[in-house]
């Protein structure tokens, strides 16, 4: 599994978040892809919603290259405990990264 976290890629990260060192005070309740774009509408556990454009992030990290395919990108799901979103068992983004990008893009 490859976990892309902030500016680091952790190979072999466990899908069981109870054992991972990456934690987030921000939990994701719902996620929905924006049709025709590499963007997600994310609802957080506090009820706030943000749209996060991920195209720059996808183009920055080679591990995210498969997400250039909008069909795959559209298969996004909230991961266990809301600590990430994932597309496949090997491809996920942590809530902390998504929250940071949401705040940066909201400015």
Protein backbone atom coordinates (compact mmCIF):
# COMPACT_ATOMS: atom_id res chain seq x y z
CA UNK A 1 0.00 0.00 0.00
CA UNK A 2 1.17 3.53 -0.71
CA UNK A 3 -0.05 6.32 1.55
CA UNK A 4 0.57 9.87 0.38
CA UNK A 5 0.75 12.05 3.48
CA UNK A 6 1.52 15.74 3.33
CA UNK A 7 4.83 15.83 1.47
CA UNK A 8 5.91 12.26 2.22
CA UNK A 9 5.07 8.93 0.70
CA UNK A 10 4.97 6.05 3.16
CA UNK A 11 5.30 2.72 1.37
CA UNK A 12 3.82 -0.28 3.08
CA UNK A 13 1.55 1.77 5.32
CA UNK A 14 -1.06 -0.30 7.07
CA UNK A 15 -4.72 0.05 6.16
CA UNK A 16 -5.57 -0.45 9.84
CA UNK A 17 -5.49 3.14 11.09
CA UNK A 18 -5.31 2.03 14.73
CA UNK A 19 -1.70 1.04 14.20
CA UNK A 20 -0.61 3.97 12.07
CA UNK A 21 1.32 6.95 13.34
CA UNK A 22 -0.62 9.29 11.07
CA UNK A 23 -3.59 10.67 12.97
CA UNK A 24 -5.95 13.52 12.29
CA UNK A 25 -8.29 15.55 14.42
CA UNK A 26 -10.27 16.12 11.22
CA UNK A 27 -12.55 13.25 10.25
CA UNK A 28 -14.34 12.92 6.93
CA UNK A 29 -18.07 12.12 6.99
CA UNK A 30 -18.82 12.17 3.26
CA UNK A 31 -16.94 12.56 0.00
CA UNK A 32 -18.25 13.15 -3.49
CA UNK A 33 -16.26 13.62 -6.71
CA UNK A 34 -17.02 16.74 -8.77
CA UNK A 35 -18.01 15.48 -12.26
CA UNK A 36 -15.43 16.19 -14.96
CA UNK A 37 -12.82 17.51 -12.52
CA UNK A 38 -10.13 16.19 -10.24
CA UNK A 39 -11.88 17.73 -7.26
CA UNK A 40 -13.74 16.41 -4.24
CA UNK A 41 -16.57 17.83 -2.17
CA UNK A 42 -15.75 16.81 1.38
CA UNK A 43 -18.05 16.98 4.38
CA UNK A 44 -16.21 16.88 7.71
CA UNK A 45 -17.53 15.46 10.96
CA UNK A 46 -18.17 19.01 12.22
CA UNK A 47 -20.62 19.56 9.33
CA UNK A 48 -18.37 21.91 7.34
CA UNK A 49 -18.01 21.31 3.60
CA UNK A 50 -15.17 22.20 1.30
CA UNK A 51 -14.34 21.50 -2.31
CA UNK A 52 -10.73 20.43 -2.78
CA UNK A 53 -9.08 20.56 -6.21
CA UNK A 54 -6.50 17.77 -6.33
CA UNK A 55 -5.07 18.16 -9.85
CA UNK A 56 -1.86 19.87 -8.66
CA UNK A 57 -1.42 17.26 -5.92
CA UNK A 58 -2.00 14.45 -8.42
CA UNK A 59 0.54 15.97 -10.82
CA UNK A 60 3.10 16.42 -8.01
CA UNK A 61 3.14 12.86 -6.68
CA UNK A 62 3.97 10.02 -9.05
CA UNK A 63 2.12 7.59 -6.76
CA UNK A 64 -1.11 9.48 -7.52
CA UNK A 65 -0.69 9.29 -11.30
CA UNK A 66 -3.49 6.68 -11.67
CA UNK A 67 -5.94 9.32 -10.40
CA UNK A 68 -5.54 11.27 -13.64
CA UNK A 69 -8.13 8.79 -14.92
CA UNK A 70 -11.46 10.45 -14.07
CA UNK A 71 -13.26 7.09 -14.00
CA UNK A 72 -10.95 5.86 -11.23
CA UNK A 73 -11.04 9.27 -9.52
CA UNK A 74 -14.84 9.03 -9.41
CA UNK A 75 -14.66 5.84 -7.33
CA UNK A 76 -13.52 7.69 -4.22
CA UNK A 77 -14.79 6.48 -0.84
CA UNK A 78 -14.36 7.52 2.77
CA UNK A 79 -11.91 5.20 4.51
CA UNK A 80 -12.36 3.53 7.89
CA UNK A 81 -12.96 5.91 10.77
CA UNK A 82 -12.99 8.88 8.35
CA UNK A 83 -9.24 9.37 8.56
CA UNK A 84 -8.73 9.22 4.80
CA UNK A 85 -10.33 8.82 1.41
CA UNK A 86 -9.39 5.98 -0.87
CA UNK A 87 -9.82 4.75 -4.39
CA UNK A 88 -8.17 1.34 -4.14
CA UNK A 89 -6.44 -0.59 -1.37
CA UNK A 90 -3.18 0.96 -2.54
CA UNK A 91 -4.31 4.52 -3.18
CA UNK A 92 -5.48 6.88 -0.45
CA UNK A 93 -5.10 10.41 0.88
CA UNK A 94 -5.21 11.25 4.60
CA UNK A 95 -7.81 13.60 6.05
CA UNK A 96 -5.02 15.84 7.39
CA UNK A 97 -3.68 16.41 3.87
CA UNK A 98 -7.14 17.05 2.46
CA UNK A 99 -7.95 19.48 5.28
CA UNK A 100 -4.67 21.35 4.73
CA UNK A 101 -5.39 21.63 1.00
CA UNK A 102 -8.97 22.75 1.68
CA UNK A 103 -7.79 25.54 4.01
CA UNK A 104 -5.08 26.62 1.56
CA UNK A 105 -7.53 26.72 -1.36
CA UNK A 106 -10.17 28.57 0.70
CA UNK A 107 -7.79 31.53 1.22
